[in-house]
């Protein structure tokens, strides 16, 4: 890809981020993205065939960054328990200042369904998410080698579910209404998980 094409692609993705943030993915239009990027709609469609294609690209980039961040943090753990704690905290810490990226990930369970995309794209997005979740699974397995693969996967999935809930509490600011904080909820869950392991 030429530098000019890459610059144009990045300009479009940045414009889409602004439009998706302002209007939501469901209400955003390709025309609005093209206007924000200062390109023609024809030029936009030549690079991205639909707003779903732009969404997929943004989510894919986000999942790669998330994985690198969680992996880098987990490596710093001096034991499986500390690596697991660092990995869980990294997932939360990555998304905490990145509401838009969290919404991209959560949105994939909403109005835009993965089955609307090419099967390869859906597979790649799921694979990218599972790669990060498997960092948790690896640390769980290291901390509790006697657990079956099914038990490890159940603990991994429970941790992921708690992380989604904690992010929801953080973004909606609902934690105060139940007299807690997202950080406390996450710490309590991870403490209990480590104790079980």
N, C-alpha and C. Protein backbone atom coordinates (compact mmCIF):
# COMPACT_ATOMS: atom_id res chain seq x y z
N UNK A 1 0.85 -1.18 0.00
CA UNK A 1 0.00 0.00 0.00
C UNK A 1 0.89 1.24 0.00
N UNK A 2 0.61 2.17 -0.88
CA UNK A 2 1.42 3.39 -0.96
C UNK A 2 1.17 4.27 0.26
N UNK A 3 2.09 5.19 0.49
CA UNK A 3 1.94 6.11 1.62
C UNK A 3 0.69 6.98 1.47
N UNK A 4 0.39 7.36 0.24
CA UNK A 4 -0.80 8.19 -0.01
C UNK A 4 -2.06 7.38 0.30
N UNK A 5 -2.10 6.14 -0.18
CA UNK A 5 -3.27 5.28 0.08
C UNK A 5 -3.41 5.01 1.57
N UNK A 6 -2.31 4.75 2.25
CA UNK A 6 -2.35 4.50 3.69
C UNK A 6 -2.83 5.75 4.44
N UNK A 7 -2.36 6.92 4.01
CA UNK A 7 -2.79 8.17 4.65
C UNK A 7 -4.30 8.36 4.46
N UNK A 8 -4.78 8.10 3.25
CA UNK A 8 -6.20 8.24 2.96
C UNK A 8 -7.02 7.24 3.80
N UNK A 9 -6.54 6.01 3.87
CA UNK A 9 -7.21 4.99 4.66
C UNK A 9 -7.30 5.41 6.12
N UNK A 10 -6.19 5.93 6.65
CA UNK A 10 -6.16 6.35 8.06
C UNK A 10 -7.10 7.54 8.27
N UNK A 11 -7.12 8.47 7.31
CA UNK A 11 -8.01 9.62 7.39
C UNK A 11 -9.46 9.17 7.46
N UNK A 12 -9.82 8.20 6.64
CA UNK A 12 -11.18 7.66 6.63
C UNK A 12 -11.50 6.98 7.96
N UNK A 13 -10.57 6.17 8.46
CA UNK A 13 -10.81 5.48 9.73
C UNK A 13 -10.95 6.47 10.88
N UNK A 14 -10.14 7.52 10.87
CA UNK A 14 -10.25 8.54 11.91
C UNK A 14 -11.58 9.29 11.81
N UNK A 15 -12.00 9.57 10.58
CA UNK A 15 -13.28 10.24 10.38
C UNK A 15 -14.42 9.34 10.84
N UNK A 16 -14.33 8.06 10.52
CA UNK A 16 -15.36 7.12 10.95
C UNK A 16 -15.42 7.03 12.47
N UNK A 17 -14.26 7.05 13.11
CA UNK A 17 -14.23 7.03 14.58
C UNK A 17 -15.01 8.22 15.13
N UNK A 18 -14.79 9.39 14.55
CA UNK A 18 -15.49 10.60 15.01
C UNK A 18 -16.99 10.49 14.77
N UNK A 19 -17.38 10.02 13.60
CA UNK A 19 -18.81 9.91 13.27
C UNK A 19 -19.46 8.81 14.11
N UNK A 20 -18.80 7.66 14.24
CA UNK A 20 -19.37 6.57 15.05
C UNK A 20 -19.51 7.00 16.51
N UNK A 21 -18.54 7.77 17.00
CA UNK A 21 -18.60 8.24 18.39
C UNK A 21 -19.77 9.21 18.57
N UNK A 22 -19.94 10.09 17.60
CA UNK A 22 -21.00 11.10 17.68
C UNK A 22 -22.40 10.52 17.50
N UNK A 23 -22.56 9.65 16.49
CA UNK A 23 -23.89 9.19 16.12
C UNK A 23 -24.19 7.75 16.52
N UNK A 24 -23.13 6.99 16.85
CA UNK A 24 -23.30 5.55 17.04
C UNK A 24 -23.15 4.86 15.70
N UNK A 25 -22.72 3.63 15.71
CA UNK A 25 -22.49 2.91 14.45
C UNK A 25 -23.80 2.75 13.69
N UNK A 26 -24.88 2.43 14.39
CA UNK A 26 -26.16 2.20 13.73
C UNK A 26 -26.68 3.39 12.96
N UNK A 27 -26.50 4.60 13.48
CA UNK A 27 -27.04 5.80 12.83
C UNK A 27 -26.03 6.50 11.92
N UNK A 28 -24.80 6.07 11.96
CA UNK A 28 -23.78 6.68 11.09
C UNK A 28 -24.05 6.30 9.63
N UNK A 29 -23.66 7.19 8.74
CA UNK A 29 -23.82 6.90 7.31
C UNK A 29 -22.47 7.03 6.61
N UNK A 30 -22.35 6.34 5.49
CA UNK A 30 -21.13 6.46 4.70
C UNK A 30 -20.96 7.89 4.19
N UNK A 31 -22.06 8.54 3.87
CA UNK A 31 -22.00 9.93 3.39
C UNK A 31 -21.39 10.83 4.48
N UNK A 32 -21.78 10.64 5.73
CA UNK A 32 -21.24 11.44 6.84
C UNK A 32 -19.75 11.16 7.03
N UNK A 33 -19.37 9.90 6.91
CA UNK A 33 -17.94 9.55 7.04
C UNK A 33 -17.14 10.19 5.92
N UNK A 34 -17.65 10.11 4.69
CA UNK A 34 -16.95 10.71 3.54
C UNK A 34 -16.80 12.22 3.73
N UNK A 35 -17.85 12.87 4.19
CA UNK A 35 -17.79 14.32 4.41
C UNK A 35 -16.75 14.66 5.47
N UNK A 36 -16.74 13.92 6.55
CA UNK A 36 -15.78 14.17 7.64
C UNK A 36 -14.35 13.94 7.15
N UNK A 37 -14.16 12.91 6.33
CA UNK A 37 -12.82 12.59 5.81
C UNK A 37 -12.42 13.48 4.63
N UNK A 38 -13.38 14.27 4.16
CA UNK A 38 -13.16 15.14 2.99
C UNK A 38 -12.74 14.34 1.76
N UNK A 39 -13.50 13.24 1.54
CA UNK A 39 -13.31 12.41 0.34
C UNK A 39 -14.68 12.23 -0.30
N UNK A 40 -14.69 11.83 -1.55
CA UNK A 40 -15.97 11.55 -2.20
C UNK A 40 -16.51 10.21 -1.69
N UNK A 41 -17.81 10.05 -1.79
CA UNK A 41 -18.37 8.75 -1.37
C UNK A 41 -17.86 7.64 -2.26
N UNK A 42 -17.62 7.93 -3.54
CA UNK A 42 -17.06 6.93 -4.44
C UNK A 42 -15.68 6.47 -3.98
N UNK A 43 -14.87 7.44 -3.57
CA UNK A 43 -13.54 7.12 -3.07
C UNK A 43 -13.63 6.29 -1.79
N UNK A 44 -14.58 6.66 -0.93
CA UNK A 44 -14.77 5.92 0.32
C UNK A 44 -15.16 4.48 0.03
N UNK A 45 -16.14 4.30 -0.86
CA UNK A 45 -16.61 2.95 -1.18
C UNK A 45 -15.54 2.12 -1.89
N UNK A 46 -14.60 2.78 -2.56
CA UNK A 46 -13.54 2.01 -3.22
C UNK A 46 -12.57 1.42 -2.20
N UNK A 47 -12.50 2.02 -1.02
CA UNK A 47 -11.61 1.50 0.03
C UNK A 47 -12.36 0.62 1.02
N UNK A 48 -13.59 1.00 1.33
CA UNK A 48 -14.41 0.28 2.29
C UNK A 48 -15.80 0.13 1.68
N UNK A 49 -16.23 -1.07 1.43
CA UNK A 49 -17.49 -1.30 0.75
C UNK A 49 -18.74 -0.97 1.54
N UNK A 50 -18.59 -0.79 2.85
CA UNK A 50 -19.75 -0.50 3.71
C UNK A 50 -19.26 0.05 5.04
N UNK A 51 -20.19 0.58 5.81
CA UNK A 51 -19.80 1.06 7.14
C UNK A 51 -19.44 -0.13 8.02
N UNK A 52 -20.04 -1.29 7.75
CA UNK A 52 -19.66 -2.50 8.50
C UNK A 52 -18.20 -2.86 8.26
N UNK A 53 -17.73 -2.64 7.03
CA UNK A 53 -16.32 -2.93 6.72
C UNK A 53 -15.40 -1.98 7.49
N UNK A 54 -15.81 -0.74 7.62
CA UNK A 54 -15.03 0.22 8.42
C UNK A 54 -15.03 -0.21 9.88
N UNK A 55 -16.21 -0.57 10.37
CA UNK A 55 -16.36 -1.05 11.74
C UNK A 55 -15.44 -2.23 12.01
N UNK A 56 -15.42 -3.20 11.09
CA UNK A 56 -14.58 -4.39 11.23
C UNK A 56 -13.11 -3.98 11.33
N UNK A 57 -12.71 -3.06 10.47
CA UNK A 57 -11.30 -2.61 10.47
C UNK A 57 -10.94 -1.94 11.78
N UNK A 58 -11.80 -1.06 12.27
CA UNK A 58 -11.54 -0.37 13.54
C UNK A 58 -11.49 -1.36 14.70
N UNK A 59 -12.41 -2.30 14.73
CA UNK A 59 -12.43 -3.30 15.79
C UNK A 59 -11.20 -4.19 15.73
N UNK A 60 -10.82 -4.59 14.53
CA UNK A 60 -9.64 -5.45 14.37
C UNK A 60 -8.39 -4.74 14.89
N UNK A 61 -8.22 -3.47 14.54
CA UNK A 61 -7.07 -2.71 15.04
C UNK A 61 -7.09 -2.61 16.57
N UNK A 62 -8.26 -2.36 17.11
CA UNK A 62 -8.41 -2.23 18.56
C UNK A 62 -8.05 -3.53 19.26
N UNK A 63 -8.51 -4.66 18.72
CA UNK A 63 -8.23 -5.95 19.36
C UNK A 63 -6.75 -6.30 19.32
N UNK A 64 -6.06 -5.90 18.27
CA UNK A 64 -4.61 -6.12 18.20
C UNK A 64 -3.90 -5.31 19.29
N UNK A 65 -4.29 -4.05 19.43
CA UNK A 65 -3.67 -3.20 20.46
C UNK A 65 -3.97 -3.74 21.86
N UNK A 66 -5.21 -4.17 22.08
CA UNK A 66 -5.57 -4.74 23.38
C UNK A 66 -4.72 -5.95 23.69
N UNK A 67 -4.59 -6.85 22.74
CA UNK A 67 -3.82 -8.07 22.95
C UNK A 67 -2.37 -7.76 23.30
N UNK A 68 -1.76 -6.84 22.57
CA UNK A 68 -0.37 -6.48 22.84
C UNK A 68 -0.23 -5.89 24.24
N UNK A 69 -1.17 -5.06 24.65
CA UNK A 69 -1.10 -4.42 25.96
C UNK A 69 -1.26 -5.46 27.08
N UNK A 70 -2.25 -6.32 26.95
CA UNK A 70 -2.48 -7.34 27.99
C UNK A 70 -1.29 -8.29 28.06
N UNK A 71 -0.79 -8.70 26.91
CA UNK A 71 0.36 -9.62 26.88
C UNK A 71 1.58 -8.98 27.54
N UNK A 72 1.86 -7.73 27.20
CA UNK A 72 3.02 -7.03 27.77
C UNK A 72 2.90 -6.90 29.29
N UNK A 73 1.70 -6.62 29.78
CA UNK A 73 1.51 -6.49 31.23
C UNK A 73 1.64 -7.83 31.92
N UNK A 74 1.08 -8.88 31.34
CA UNK A 74 1.11 -10.21 31.95
C UNK A 74 2.54 -10.73 32.07
N UNK A 75 3.37 -10.41 31.11
CA UNK A 75 4.76 -10.87 31.12
C UNK A 75 5.50 -10.38 32.37
N UNK A 76 5.08 -9.23 32.87
CA UNK A 76 5.76 -8.64 34.05
C UNK A 76 5.46 -9.40 35.34
N UNK A 77 4.47 -10.30 35.32
CA UNK A 77 4.13 -11.04 36.53
C UNK A 77 5.22 -12.00 36.94
N UNK A 78 5.54 -11.99 38.21
CA UNK A 78 6.61 -12.86 38.72
C UNK A 78 6.10 -14.25 39.09
N UNK A 79 4.77 -14.42 39.12
CA UNK A 79 4.15 -15.71 39.39
C UNK A 79 2.89 -15.80 38.54
N UNK A 80 2.34 -17.01 38.38
CA UNK A 80 1.08 -17.12 37.61
C UNK A 80 -0.04 -16.25 38.21
N UNK A 81 -0.09 -16.18 39.55
CA UNK A 81 -1.13 -15.36 40.19
C UNK A 81 -0.94 -13.88 39.86
N UNK A 82 0.28 -13.39 39.99
CA UNK A 82 0.49 -11.97 39.72
C UNK A 82 0.33 -11.68 38.22
N UNK A 83 0.72 -12.62 37.37
CA UNK A 83 0.53 -12.43 35.93
C UNK A 83 -0.95 -12.38 35.57
N UNK A 84 -1.75 -13.23 36.23
CA UNK A 84 -3.19 -13.21 35.99
C UNK A 84 -3.80 -11.89 36.44
N UNK A 85 -3.41 -11.42 37.61
CA UNK A 85 -3.91 -10.14 38.13
C UNK A 85 -3.52 -9.00 37.18
N UNK A 86 -2.26 -9.01 36.74
CA UNK A 86 -1.80 -7.96 35.83
C UNK A 86 -2.54 -8.00 34.50
N UNK A 87 -2.80 -9.20 34.00
CA UNK A 87 -3.52 -9.34 32.73
C UNK A 87 -4.95 -8.82 32.85
N UNK A 88 -5.64 -9.19 33.92
CA UNK A 88 -7.02 -8.73 34.12
C UNK A 88 -7.06 -7.22 34.27
N UNK A 89 -6.17 -6.68 35.07
CA UNK A 89 -6.12 -5.23 35.25
C UNK A 89 -5.77 -4.53 33.95
N UNK A 90 -4.91 -5.14 33.14
CA UNK A 90 -4.51 -4.53 31.87
C UNK A 90 -5.70 -4.42 30.92
N UNK A 91 -6.52 -5.45 30.88
CA UNK A 91 -7.72 -5.42 30.02
C UNK A 91 -8.59 -4.23 30.41
N UNK A 92 -8.83 -4.10 31.70
CA UNK A 92 -9.65 -3.00 32.21
C UNK A 92 -8.95 -1.65 31.98
N UNK A 93 -7.68 -1.58 32.31
CA UNK A 93 -6.94 -0.33 32.17
C UNK A 93 -6.83 0.12 30.71
N UNK A 94 -6.76 -0.86 29.80
CA UNK A 94 -6.68 -0.51 28.38
C UNK A 94 -7.97 0.21 27.94
N UNK A 95 -9.10 -0.37 28.30
CA UNK A 95 -10.37 0.18 27.83
C UNK A 95 -10.86 1.38 28.63
N UNK A 96 -10.46 1.49 29.87
CA UNK A 96 -10.98 2.56 30.74
C UNK A 96 -10.90 3.95 30.10
N UNK A 97 -9.77 4.34 29.50
CA UNK A 97 -9.73 5.66 28.86
C UNK A 97 -10.16 5.62 27.38
N UNK A 98 -10.61 4.47 26.92
CA UNK A 98 -10.94 4.30 25.50
C UNK A 98 -12.38 3.84 25.33
N UNK A 99 -13.30 4.68 25.72
CA UNK A 99 -14.72 4.35 25.65
C UNK A 99 -15.11 3.91 24.24
N UNK A 100 -14.64 4.62 23.23
CA UNK A 100 -15.03 4.28 21.87
C UNK A 100 -14.61 2.86 21.51
N UNK A 101 -13.40 2.48 21.86
CA UNK A 101 -12.93 1.13 21.53
C UNK A 101 -13.73 0.07 22.29
N UNK A 102 -14.07 0.36 23.54
CA UNK A 102 -14.91 -0.57 24.29
C UNK A 102 -16.28 -0.71 23.63
N UNK A 103 -16.82 0.42 23.18
CA UNK A 103 -18.12 0.38 22.50
C UNK A 103 -18.04 -0.43 21.21
N UNK A 104 -16.94 -0.31 20.49
CA UNK A 104 -16.76 -1.11 19.27
C UNK A 104 -16.90 -2.59 19.60
N UNK A 105 -16.20 -3.02 20.64
CA UNK A 105 -16.23 -4.43 21.02
C UNK A 105 -17.60 -4.87 21.49
N UNK A 106 -18.22 -4.04 22.31
CA UNK A 106 -19.54 -4.38 22.84
C UNK A 106 -20.58 -4.31 21.72
N UNK A 107 -20.41 -3.39 20.81
CA UNK A 107 -21.37 -3.21 19.71
C UNK A 107 -21.47 -4.45 18.85
N UNK A 108 -20.38 -5.22 18.79
CA UNK A 108 -20.41 -6.42 17.96
C UNK A 108 -21.43 -7.43 18.48
N UNK A 109 -21.89 -7.23 19.72
CA UNK A 109 -22.93 -8.10 20.25
C UNK A 109 -24.31 -7.44 20.11
N UNK A 110 -24.36 -6.26 19.46
CA UNK A 110 -25.61 -5.50 19.36
C UNK A 110 -26.17 -5.47 17.96
N UNK A 111 -26.39 -4.26 17.45
CA UNK A 111 -27.09 -4.08 16.18
C UNK A 111 -26.36 -4.70 14.99
N UNK A 112 -25.03 -4.63 15.00
CA UNK A 112 -24.28 -5.24 13.90
C UNK A 112 -23.91 -6.64 14.35
N UNK A 113 -24.39 -7.61 13.63
CA UNK A 113 -24.12 -9.00 13.97
C UNK A 113 -22.97 -9.51 13.10
N UNK A 114 -22.11 -10.31 13.70
CA UNK A 114 -20.96 -10.81 12.96
C UNK A 114 -21.38 -11.64 11.75
N UNK A 115 -22.55 -12.28 11.79
CA UNK A 115 -22.94 -13.10 10.65
C UNK A 115 -23.29 -12.27 9.42
N UNK A 116 -23.40 -10.96 9.58
CA UNK A 116 -23.62 -10.08 8.44
C UNK A 116 -22.33 -9.87 7.65
N UNK A 117 -21.22 -10.16 8.26
CA UNK A 117 -19.93 -9.97 7.60
C UNK A 117 -19.51 -11.24 6.90
N UNK A 118 -18.52 -11.09 6.09
CA UNK A 118 -17.87 -12.23 5.50
C UNK A 118 -17.42 -13.18 6.62
N UNK A 119 -17.57 -14.46 6.43
CA UNK A 119 -17.24 -15.43 7.49
C UNK A 119 -15.79 -15.33 7.92
N UNK A 120 -14.91 -15.02 7.00
CA UNK A 120 -13.50 -14.90 7.34
C UNK A 120 -13.28 -13.72 8.30
N UNK A 121 -13.96 -12.60 8.05
CA UNK A 121 -13.84 -11.44 8.93
C UNK A 121 -14.35 -11.77 10.33
N UNK A 122 -15.49 -12.43 10.41
CA UNK A 122 -16.06 -12.81 11.70
C UNK A 122 -15.10 -13.74 12.43
N UNK A 123 -14.53 -14.68 11.70
CA UNK A 123 -13.57 -15.62 12.29
C UNK A 123 -12.35 -14.88 12.82
N UNK A 124 -11.83 -13.95 12.05
CA UNK A 124 -10.63 -13.22 12.46
C UNK A 124 -10.89 -12.34 13.69
N UNK A 125 -12.05 -11.69 13.75
CA UNK A 125 -12.38 -10.88 14.92
C UNK A 125 -12.50 -11.76 16.17
N UNK A 126 -13.20 -12.87 16.04
CA UNK A 126 -13.33 -13.78 17.18
C UNK A 126 -11.98 -14.33 17.61
N UNK A 127 -11.16 -14.67 16.63
CA UNK A 127 -9.82 -15.20 16.91
C UNK A 127 -8.98 -14.16 17.67
N UNK A 128 -9.09 -12.90 17.28
CA UNK A 128 -8.33 -11.84 17.95
C UNK A 128 -8.79 -11.66 19.40
N UNK A 129 -10.08 -11.70 19.64
CA UNK A 129 -10.58 -11.59 21.01
C UNK A 129 -10.15 -12.80 21.83
N UNK A 130 -10.31 -13.99 21.28
CA UNK A 130 -9.95 -15.21 22.01
C UNK A 130 -8.45 -15.24 22.32
N UNK A 131 -7.64 -14.67 21.45
CA UNK A 131 -6.19 -14.62 21.72
C UNK A 131 -5.90 -13.87 23.01
N UNK A 132 -6.65 -12.81 23.26
CA UNK A 132 -6.47 -12.07 24.51
C UNK A 132 -7.05 -12.85 25.68
N UNK A 133 -8.23 -13.42 25.50
CA UNK A 133 -8.82 -14.21 26.58
C UNK A 133 -7.95 -15.41 26.92
N UNK A 134 -7.25 -15.94 25.94
CA UNK A 134 -6.37 -17.08 26.20
C UNK A 134 -5.13 -16.71 27.00
N UNK A 135 -4.81 -15.43 27.07
CA UNK A 135 -3.76 -15.00 27.99
C UNK A 135 -4.24 -15.27 29.41
N UNK A 136 -5.51 -14.95 29.68
CA UNK A 136 -6.10 -15.27 30.99
C UNK A 136 -6.07 -16.78 31.22
N UNK A 137 -6.50 -17.53 30.21
CA UNK A 137 -6.57 -18.99 30.35
C UNK A 137 -5.20 -19.58 30.65
N UNK A 138 -4.18 -19.08 29.98
CA UNK A 138 -2.82 -19.58 30.21
C UNK A 138 -2.39 -19.33 31.66
N UNK A 139 -2.66 -18.14 32.16
CA UNK A 139 -2.26 -17.82 33.54
C UNK A 139 -3.09 -18.62 34.55
N UNK A 140 -4.37 -18.85 34.24
CA UNK A 140 -5.21 -19.68 35.11
C UNK A 140 -4.67 -21.11 35.14
N UNK A 141 -4.35 -21.63 33.96
CA UNK A 141 -3.82 -23.01 33.88
C UNK A 141 -2.49 -23.13 34.61
N UNK A 142 -1.63 -22.12 34.49
CA UNK A 142 -0.34 -22.15 35.19
C UNK A 142 -0.54 -22.10 36.71
N UNK A 143 -1.53 -21.33 37.14
CA UNK A 143 -1.79 -21.21 38.59
C UNK A 143 -2.47 -22.44 39.15
N UNK A 144 -3.23 -23.15 38.32
CA UNK A 144 -3.97 -24.33 38.79
C UNK A 144 -3.87 -25.43 37.74
N UNK A 145 -2.71 -26.09 37.66
CA UNK A 145 -2.49 -27.09 36.60
C UNK A 145 -3.43 -28.29 36.65
N UNK A 146 -4.11 -28.51 37.78
CA UNK A 146 -5.02 -29.65 37.89
C UNK A 146 -6.40 -29.38 37.28
N UNK A 147 -6.68 -28.13 36.94
CA UNK A 147 -7.97 -27.82 36.32
C UNK A 147 -8.05 -28.42 34.92
N UNK A 148 -9.23 -28.89 34.58
CA UNK A 148 -9.44 -29.41 33.22
C UNK A 148 -9.51 -28.23 32.25
N UNK A 149 -9.39 -28.56 30.99
CA UNK A 149 -9.49 -27.51 29.96
C UNK A 149 -10.85 -26.81 30.04
N UNK A 150 -11.90 -27.57 30.30
CA UNK A 150 -13.24 -26.99 30.42
C UNK A 150 -13.34 -26.06 31.63
N UNK A 151 -12.73 -26.43 32.75
CA UNK A 151 -12.74 -25.58 33.94
C UNK A 151 -11.95 -24.29 33.70
N UNK A 152 -10.82 -24.41 33.04
CA UNK A 152 -10.01 -23.23 32.72
C UNK A 152 -10.81 -22.29 31.84
N UNK A 153 -11.47 -22.84 30.83
CA UNK A 153 -12.26 -22.01 29.92
C UNK A 153 -13.41 -21.33 30.66
N UNK A 154 -14.02 -22.06 31.60
CA UNK A 154 -15.13 -21.47 32.38
C UNK A 154 -14.62 -20.31 33.24
N UNK A 155 -13.45 -20.46 33.86
CA UNK A 155 -12.88 -19.37 34.66
C UNK A 155 -12.49 -18.19 33.79
N UNK A 156 -11.92 -18.49 32.63
CA UNK A 156 -11.56 -17.44 31.67
C UNK A 156 -12.79 -16.65 31.26
N UNK A 157 -13.85 -17.36 30.92
CA UNK A 157 -15.07 -16.71 30.45
C UNK A 157 -15.75 -15.91 31.56
N UNK A 158 -15.69 -16.42 32.78
CA UNK A 158 -16.25 -15.68 33.92
C UNK A 158 -15.48 -14.38 34.14
N UNK A 159 -14.16 -14.45 34.03
CA UNK A 159 -13.35 -13.24 34.18
C UNK A 159 -13.69 -12.23 33.08
N UNK A 160 -13.84 -12.69 31.85
CA UNK A 160 -14.21 -11.81 30.75
C UNK A 160 -15.56 -11.16 31.01
N UNK A 161 -16.51 -11.93 31.50
CA UNK A 161 -17.84 -11.39 31.80
C UNK A 161 -17.76 -10.32 32.88
N UNK A 162 -16.97 -10.58 33.92
CA UNK A 162 -16.80 -9.58 34.98
C UNK A 162 -16.15 -8.32 34.40
N UNK A 163 -15.16 -8.48 33.55
CA UNK A 163 -14.50 -7.31 32.95
C UNK A 163 -15.49 -6.48 32.13
N UNK A 164 -16.36 -7.14 31.38
CA UNK A 164 -17.38 -6.39 30.63
C UNK A 164 -18.31 -5.64 31.58
N UNK A 165 -18.69 -6.29 32.67
CA UNK A 165 -19.55 -5.65 33.66
C UNK A 165 -18.88 -4.48 34.33
N UNK A 166 -17.61 -4.65 34.66
CA UNK A 166 -16.85 -3.58 35.31
C UNK A 166 -16.72 -2.39 34.37
N UNK A 167 -16.47 -2.65 33.11
CA UNK A 167 -16.39 -1.55 32.13
C UNK A 167 -17.73 -0.85 32.00
N UNK A 168 -18.80 -1.61 32.02
CA UNK A 168 -20.14 -1.01 31.97
C UNK A 168 -20.36 -0.11 33.18
N UNK A 169 -19.97 -0.57 34.36
CA UNK A 169 -20.08 0.26 35.56
C UNK A 169 -19.26 1.54 35.42
N UNK A 170 -18.05 1.40 34.88
CA UNK A 170 -17.16 2.55 34.74
C UNK A 170 -17.74 3.57 33.76
N UNK A 171 -18.21 3.10 32.61
CA UNK A 171 -18.67 4.02 31.57
C UNK A 171 -20.02 4.65 31.88
N UNK A 172 -20.88 3.92 32.56
CA UNK A 172 -22.21 4.46 32.87
C UNK A 172 -22.22 5.22 34.20
N UNK A 173 -21.12 5.09 34.94
CA UNK A 173 -21.00 5.73 36.27
C UNK A 173 -22.11 5.25 37.22
N UNK A 174 -22.54 4.00 37.04
CA UNK A 174 -23.59 3.43 37.88
C UNK A 174 -23.05 2.82 39.16
N UNK A 175 -21.74 2.69 39.26
CA UNK A 175 -21.17 2.04 40.45
C UNK A 175 -21.53 2.77 41.73
N UNK A 176 -21.58 4.09 41.67
CA UNK A 176 -21.90 4.86 42.88
C UNK A 176 -23.32 4.58 43.36
N UNK A 177 -24.23 4.28 42.43
CA UNK A 177 -25.61 4.01 42.83
C UNK A 177 -25.74 2.69 43.58
N UNK A 178 -24.75 1.82 43.42
CA UNK A 178 -24.76 0.57 44.19
C UNK A 178 -23.63 0.56 45.23
N UNK A 179 -23.11 1.76 45.50
CA UNK A 179 -22.14 1.96 46.57
C UNK A 179 -20.87 1.13 46.40
N UNK A 180 -20.30 1.18 45.21
CA UNK A 180 -19.05 0.47 44.95
C UNK A 180 -18.25 1.24 43.91
N UNK A 181 -17.16 0.66 43.48
CA UNK A 181 -16.37 1.21 42.38
C UNK A 181 -16.02 0.07 41.44
N UNK A 182 -15.83 0.37 40.16
CA UNK A 182 -15.42 -0.68 39.23
C UNK A 182 -14.12 -1.36 39.66
N UNK A 183 -13.17 -0.57 40.15
CA UNK A 183 -11.89 -1.12 40.58
C UNK A 183 -12.07 -2.13 41.71
N UNK A 184 -12.95 -1.80 42.66
CA UNK A 184 -13.20 -2.70 43.79
C UNK A 184 -13.86 -4.00 43.32
N UNK A 185 -14.82 -3.89 42.40
CA UNK A 185 -15.50 -5.09 41.89
C UNK A 185 -14.49 -6.00 41.20
N UNK A 186 -13.63 -5.42 40.36
CA UNK A 186 -12.62 -6.22 39.66
C UNK A 186 -11.65 -6.85 40.64
N UNK A 187 -11.15 -6.07 41.60
CA UNK A 187 -10.20 -6.61 42.57
C UNK A 187 -10.82 -7.74 43.37
N UNK A 188 -12.07 -7.58 43.78
CA UNK A 188 -12.75 -8.61 44.57
C UNK A 188 -12.88 -9.90 43.77
N UNK A 189 -13.25 -9.77 42.49
CA UNK A 189 -13.38 -10.97 41.66
C UNK A 189 -12.03 -11.65 41.44
N UNK A 190 -11.03 -10.87 41.12
CA UNK A 190 -9.71 -11.46 40.86
C UNK A 190 -9.14 -12.08 42.15
N UNK A 191 -9.33 -11.43 43.28
CA UNK A 191 -8.89 -12.00 44.57
C UNK A 191 -9.56 -13.36 44.80
N UNK A 192 -10.87 -13.41 44.56
CA UNK A 192 -11.61 -14.66 44.77
C UNK A 192 -11.16 -15.74 43.79
N UNK A 193 -10.91 -15.34 42.54
CA UNK A 193 -10.43 -16.29 41.53
C UNK A 193 -9.08 -16.86 41.95
N UNK A 194 -8.17 -15.99 42.34
CA UNK A 194 -6.84 -16.45 42.76
C UNK A 194 -6.93 -17.36 43.97
N UNK A 195 -7.81 -17.02 44.91
CA UNK A 195 -7.99 -17.86 46.11
C UNK A 195 -8.49 -19.24 45.71
N UNK A 196 -9.41 -19.30 44.74
CA UNK A 196 -9.94 -20.60 44.27
C UNK A 196 -8.86 -21.41 43.58
N UNK A 197 -7.99 -20.73 42.87
CA UNK A 197 -6.95 -21.44 42.12
C UNK A 197 -5.91 -22.02 43.06
